[in-house]
Each structure stands twice: as structure tokens, then as C-alpha cells.
Amino acid sequence: MSKEELKLLMQRQFGASAKYHTCSACEMSADELITLLERKGKFIISERGVETARDKICNH
């Protein structure tokens, strides 16, 4: 799944104006959340699309 496909899925599921929260940030748009997770290494962008780095997921 590409970043754009992920964003569209998030919009369909939660609405275009949804705000997202993590343990380190709040009130983010889908674009901001995807960017944050990518910057922190929690999302890895590859030729297969967006993947989750399981070893970087918070468990709190």
C-alpha cells in the first residue's frame, strides 16, 4: 500500500477531518501522522509500499 492509498483508507475509515494522536504528538492530520511515523522509523517506505517496523512500535 502506498502512502497515498493509506491516507485514502484513513479518510474512508475515520473521515477527512479526523485528528490523530500518538504518545508524542496530538491533533495531527493523516499526512502529519504518516510523516511523523516515517520520520521516527516506524513506517518504512519501500517498493512494496508502507510497512510497519514492528520493533519500533510503542507498547504503552
N, C-alpha and C. Protein backbone atom coordinates (compact mmCIF):
# COMPACT_ATOMS: atom_id res chain seq x y z
N MET A 1 0.84 -1.16 0.00
CA MET A 1 0.00 0.00 0.00
C MET A 1 0.90 1.24 0.00
N SER A 2 0.60 2.16 -0.88
CA SER A 2 1.38 3.40 -0.94
C SER A 2 0.92 4.35 0.17
N LYS A 3 1.70 5.42 0.37
CA LYS A 3 1.30 6.43 1.37
C LYS A 3 -0.05 7.05 0.98
N GLU A 4 -0.23 7.30 -0.29
CA GLU A 4 -1.49 7.90 -0.75
C GLU A 4 -2.67 6.95 -0.52
N GLU A 5 -2.46 5.66 -0.80
CA GLU A 5 -3.52 4.67 -0.54
C GLU A 5 -3.83 4.58 0.95
N LEU A 6 -2.81 4.63 1.78
CA LEU A 6 -3.01 4.61 3.23
C LEU A 6 -3.82 5.83 3.67
N LYS A 7 -3.45 6.99 3.16
CA LYS A 7 -4.18 8.21 3.50
C LYS A 7 -5.65 8.11 3.09
N LEU A 8 -5.92 7.61 1.90
CA LEU A 8 -7.30 7.45 1.45
C LEU A 8 -8.06 6.46 2.32
N LEU A 9 -7.42 5.38 2.71
CA LEU A 9 -8.04 4.40 3.60
C LEU A 9 -8.38 5.04 4.94
N MET A 10 -7.47 5.83 5.48
CA MET A 10 -7.70 6.52 6.75
C MET A 10 -8.89 7.48 6.62
N GLN A 11 -8.96 8.20 5.50
CA GLN A 11 -10.06 9.13 5.29
C GLN A 11 -11.39 8.41 5.18
N ARG A 12 -11.42 7.28 4.49
CA ARG A 12 -12.66 6.50 4.37
C ARG A 12 -13.09 5.96 5.72
N GLN A 13 -12.13 5.49 6.49
CA GLN A 13 -12.44 4.86 7.78
C GLN A 13 -12.81 5.88 8.85
N PHE A 14 -12.09 6.99 8.92
CA PHE A 14 -12.24 7.93 10.03
C PHE A 14 -12.73 9.32 9.63
N GLY A 15 -12.83 9.59 8.33
CA GLY A 15 -13.26 10.90 7.85
C GLY A 15 -12.08 11.79 7.51
N ALA A 16 -12.31 12.70 6.57
CA ALA A 16 -11.23 13.56 6.08
C ALA A 16 -10.73 14.55 7.13
N SER A 17 -11.56 14.87 8.11
CA SER A 17 -11.15 15.85 9.12
C SER A 17 -10.69 15.21 10.43
N ALA A 18 -10.50 13.88 10.41
CA ALA A 18 -10.06 13.17 11.63
C ALA A 18 -8.72 13.71 12.10
N LYS A 19 -8.53 13.73 13.40
CA LYS A 19 -7.26 14.10 14.02
C LYS A 19 -6.70 12.87 14.71
N TYR A 20 -5.40 12.70 14.63
CA TYR A 20 -4.73 11.52 15.15
C TYR A 20 -3.79 11.91 16.28
N HIS A 21 -3.60 10.98 17.20
CA HIS A 21 -2.79 11.21 18.39
C HIS A 21 -1.82 10.05 18.59
N THR A 22 -0.63 10.35 19.03
CA THR A 22 0.36 9.34 19.42
C THR A 22 0.82 9.70 20.83
N CYS A 23 1.74 8.92 21.35
CA CYS A 23 2.26 9.23 22.68
C CYS A 23 3.12 10.50 22.67
N SER A 24 3.54 10.96 21.48
CA SER A 24 4.42 12.13 21.43
C SER A 24 3.83 13.33 20.70
N ALA A 25 2.65 13.19 20.11
CA ALA A 25 2.05 14.31 19.37
C ALA A 25 0.54 14.12 19.32
N CYS A 26 -0.17 15.24 19.11
CA CYS A 26 -1.63 15.15 19.04
C CYS A 26 -2.17 16.12 18.00
N GLU A 27 -3.45 15.95 17.70
CA GLU A 27 -4.16 16.81 16.75
C GLU A 27 -3.50 16.84 15.37
N MET A 28 -3.06 15.67 14.89
CA MET A 28 -2.39 15.60 13.59
C MET A 28 -3.37 15.17 12.51
N SER A 29 -3.14 15.68 11.31
CA SER A 29 -3.87 15.21 10.13
C SER A 29 -3.28 13.85 9.73
N ALA A 30 -3.92 13.20 8.78
CA ALA A 30 -3.38 11.93 8.27
C ALA A 30 -1.98 12.13 7.70
N ASP A 31 -1.80 13.21 6.93
CA ASP A 31 -0.47 13.49 6.36
C ASP A 31 0.57 13.69 7.45
N GLU A 32 0.21 14.44 8.48
CA GLU A 32 1.15 14.71 9.57
C GLU A 32 1.49 13.43 10.32
N LEU A 33 0.51 12.57 10.55
CA LEU A 33 0.76 11.30 11.24
C LEU A 33 1.68 10.40 10.42
N ILE A 34 1.40 10.27 9.15
CA ILE A 34 2.23 9.44 8.28
C ILE A 34 3.66 9.97 8.26
N THR A 35 3.81 11.28 8.15
CA THR A 35 5.15 11.90 8.14
C THR A 35 5.87 11.65 9.46
N LEU A 36 5.17 11.83 10.58
CA LEU A 36 5.78 11.59 11.90
C LEU A 36 6.25 10.14 12.02
N LEU A 37 5.40 9.20 11.67
CA LEU A 37 5.76 7.78 11.82
C LEU A 37 6.89 7.40 10.87
N GLU A 38 6.91 8.00 9.71
CA GLU A 38 8.02 7.75 8.78
C GLU A 38 9.32 8.33 9.34
N ARG A 39 9.27 9.57 9.85
CA ARG A 39 10.46 10.22 10.40
C ARG A 39 11.03 9.46 11.59
N LYS A 40 10.16 8.86 12.40
CA LYS A 40 10.61 8.11 13.58
C LYS A 40 11.03 6.68 13.23
N GLY A 41 10.92 6.32 11.97
CA GLY A 41 11.33 4.97 11.55
C GLY A 41 10.30 3.91 11.84
N LYS A 42 9.08 4.31 12.18
CA LYS A 42 8.03 3.34 12.49
C LYS A 42 7.30 2.89 11.23
N PHE A 43 7.31 3.72 10.22
CA PHE A 43 6.84 3.35 8.88
C PHE A 43 8.06 3.31 7.99
N ILE A 44 8.16 2.28 7.21
CA ILE A 44 9.24 2.14 6.25
C ILE A 44 8.62 2.15 4.86
N ILE A 45 9.08 3.05 4.01
CA ILE A 45 8.58 3.15 2.66
C ILE A 45 9.51 2.34 1.76
N SER A 46 8.95 1.35 1.09
CA SER A 46 9.72 0.50 0.19
C SER A 46 8.99 0.40 -1.14
N GLU A 47 9.55 -0.34 -2.06
CA GLU A 47 8.86 -0.52 -3.35
C GLU A 47 7.55 -1.28 -3.18
N ARG A 48 7.39 -1.99 -2.06
CA ARG A 48 6.14 -2.69 -1.78
C ARG A 48 5.12 -1.76 -1.14
N GLY A 49 5.55 -0.56 -0.74
CA GLY A 49 4.65 0.40 -0.13
C GLY A 49 5.04 0.67 1.31
N VAL A 50 4.06 1.07 2.11
CA VAL A 50 4.29 1.40 3.51
C VAL A 50 4.27 0.12 4.34
N GLU A 51 5.30 -0.06 5.14
CA GLU A 51 5.38 -1.20 6.04
C GLU A 51 5.64 -0.69 7.45
N THR A 52 5.24 -1.46 8.43
CA THR A 52 5.44 -1.10 9.83
C THR A 52 6.71 -1.76 10.35
N ALA A 53 7.52 -0.98 11.04
CA ALA A 53 8.71 -1.53 11.70
C ALA A 53 8.26 -2.01 13.08
N ARG A 54 7.96 -3.28 13.19
CA ARG A 54 7.40 -3.83 14.43
C ARG A 54 8.26 -3.58 15.65
N ASP A 55 9.57 -3.56 15.47
CA ASP A 55 10.47 -3.37 16.61
C ASP A 55 10.47 -1.92 17.12
N LYS A 56 9.80 -1.01 16.40
CA LYS A 56 9.76 0.39 16.82
C LYS A 56 8.38 0.81 17.32
N ILE A 57 7.47 -0.13 17.45
CA ILE A 57 6.12 0.18 17.92
C ILE A 57 6.14 0.32 19.44
N CYS A 58 5.52 1.39 19.92
CA CYS A 58 5.42 1.59 21.39
C CYS A 58 4.41 0.61 21.97
N ASN A 59 4.66 0.15 23.15
CA ASN A 59 3.76 -0.79 23.83
C ASN A 59 3.27 -0.23 25.16
N HIS A 60 2.95 1.04 25.17
CA HIS A 60 2.45 1.64 26.40
C HIS A 60 1.12 2.29 26.16
